[in-house]
Amino acid sequence: MGSFFLSAGVFLGGWVLVHWLRTGETAPYTSFLTGSALSVTLGIMLYVLALLADMVARQRAVQERVLFELRTLKDPLRSAQNGPDQGRLSGK
């Protein structure tokens, strides 16, 4: 999604740049400059948002793994306190 907006903005900006280099003015394509700037900005923002979403997903996976490890560490302590006959097989 971000690459679409970024490439559209670069294309529009390049179009205006080529026209400016040929004629020395941006007269018929002046509105493309605004669209290009907004599109490039939106594309960059979408890339950053995607990176943040990926970081949150990885952090969640790490936290779930740590929670799982903590629960497995606590479980043998509970079964040792309850006695040998009240272990994992009794459903607790």
Protein backbone atom coordinates (compact mmCIF):
# COMPACT_ATOMS: atom_id res chain seq x y z
CA MET A 1 0.00 0.00 0.00
CA GLY A 2 2.77 2.39 0.91
CA SER A 3 4.73 1.54 -2.21
CA PHE A 4 1.71 2.39 -4.38
CA PHE A 5 1.40 5.90 -2.96
CA LEU A 6 5.15 6.41 -2.92
CA SER A 7 5.56 5.35 -6.54
CA ALA A 8 2.57 7.45 -7.63
CA GLY A 9 4.05 10.48 -5.90
CA VAL A 10 7.47 9.94 -7.44
CA PHE A 11 5.87 9.49 -10.86
CA LEU A 12 3.85 12.69 -10.56
CA GLY A 13 6.84 14.62 -9.24
CA GLY A 14 9.03 13.25 -12.02
CA TRP A 15 6.45 14.23 -14.61
CA VAL A 16 6.43 17.82 -13.35
CA LEU A 17 10.23 17.87 -13.09
CA VAL A 18 10.66 16.74 -16.70
CA HIS A 19 8.13 19.34 -17.87
CA TRP A 20 9.90 22.03 -15.84
CA LEU A 21 13.29 21.09 -17.29
CA ARG A 22 11.89 21.26 -20.85
CA THR A 23 9.82 24.45 -20.58
CA GLY A 24 11.08 26.22 -17.48
CA GLU A 25 7.62 26.42 -15.91
CA THR A 26 5.16 24.13 -14.20
CA ALA A 27 2.06 25.96 -15.44
CA PRO A 28 -0.33 23.22 -16.55
CA TYR A 29 0.86 20.69 -13.96
CA THR A 30 1.15 22.83 -10.83
CA SER A 31 -1.53 20.86 -8.98
CA PHE A 32 0.50 17.69 -9.55
CA LEU A 33 3.16 19.09 -7.22
CA THR A 34 0.72 19.13 -4.31
CA GLY A 35 -0.54 15.66 -5.19
CA SER A 36 3.02 14.40 -5.49
CA ALA A 37 4.05 15.79 -2.12
CA LEU A 38 0.96 14.41 -0.40
CA SER A 39 1.35 11.02 -2.05
CA VAL A 40 5.03 10.70 -1.13
CA THR A 41 4.27 11.77 2.45
CA LEU A 42 1.40 9.28 2.71
CA GLY A 43 3.57 6.50 1.28
CA ILE A 44 6.32 7.13 3.80
CA MET A 45 3.81 7.30 6.65
CA LEU A 46 2.29 3.97 5.59
CA TYR A 47 5.74 2.37 5.52
CA VAL A 48 6.46 3.64 9.04
CA LEU A 49 3.06 2.44 10.25
CA ALA A 50 3.73 -1.00 8.77
CA LEU A 51 7.08 -1.14 10.56
CA LEU A 52 5.42 -0.21 13.85
CA ALA A 53 2.74 -2.86 13.37
CA ASP A 54 5.41 -5.47 12.70
CA MET A 55 7.32 -4.43 15.82
CA VAL A 56 4.15 -4.70 17.94
CA ALA A 57 3.43 -8.17 16.53
CA ARG A 58 6.96 -9.34 17.31
CA GLN A 59 6.80 -7.88 20.81
CA ARG A 60 3.51 -9.68 21.41
CA ALA A 61 5.02 -12.98 20.30
CA VAL A 62 7.97 -12.48 22.64
CA GLN A 63 5.67 -11.61 25.54
CA GLU A 64 3.52 -14.69 24.90
CA ARG A 65 6.64 -16.86 24.87
CA VAL A 66 7.88 -15.35 28.14
CA LEU A 67 4.46 -15.86 29.73
CA PHE A 68 4.45 -19.48 28.59
CA GLU A 69 7.91 -20.03 30.05
CA LEU A 70 6.89 -18.43 33.35
CA ARG A 71 3.81 -20.62 33.57
CA THR A 72 5.85 -23.76 32.93
CA LEU A 73 8.32 -22.72 35.62
CA LYS A 74 5.54 -22.15 38.17
CA ASP A 75 3.66 -25.38 37.36
CA PRO A 76 6.31 -27.79 38.78
CA LEU A 77 6.37 -25.75 41.99
CA ARG A 78 2.61 -26.10 42.40
CA SER A 79 2.68 -29.84 41.79
CA ALA A 80 5.54 -30.27 44.31
CA GLN A 81 3.58 -28.34 46.97
CA ASN A 82 0.42 -30.37 46.41
CA GLY A 83 2.22 -33.66 46.83
CA PRO A 84 3.12 -36.50 44.50
CA ASP A 85 -0.45 -37.81 44.20
CA GLN A 86 -1.94 -34.44 43.12
CA GLY A 87 0.18 -33.70 40.07
CA ARG A 88 -0.70 -33.02 36.47
CA LEU A 89 -2.80 -36.17 36.10
CA SER A 90 -5.41 -35.07 38.62
CA GLY A 91 -6.44 -32.07 36.50
CA LYS A 92 -5.03 -29.29 38.66
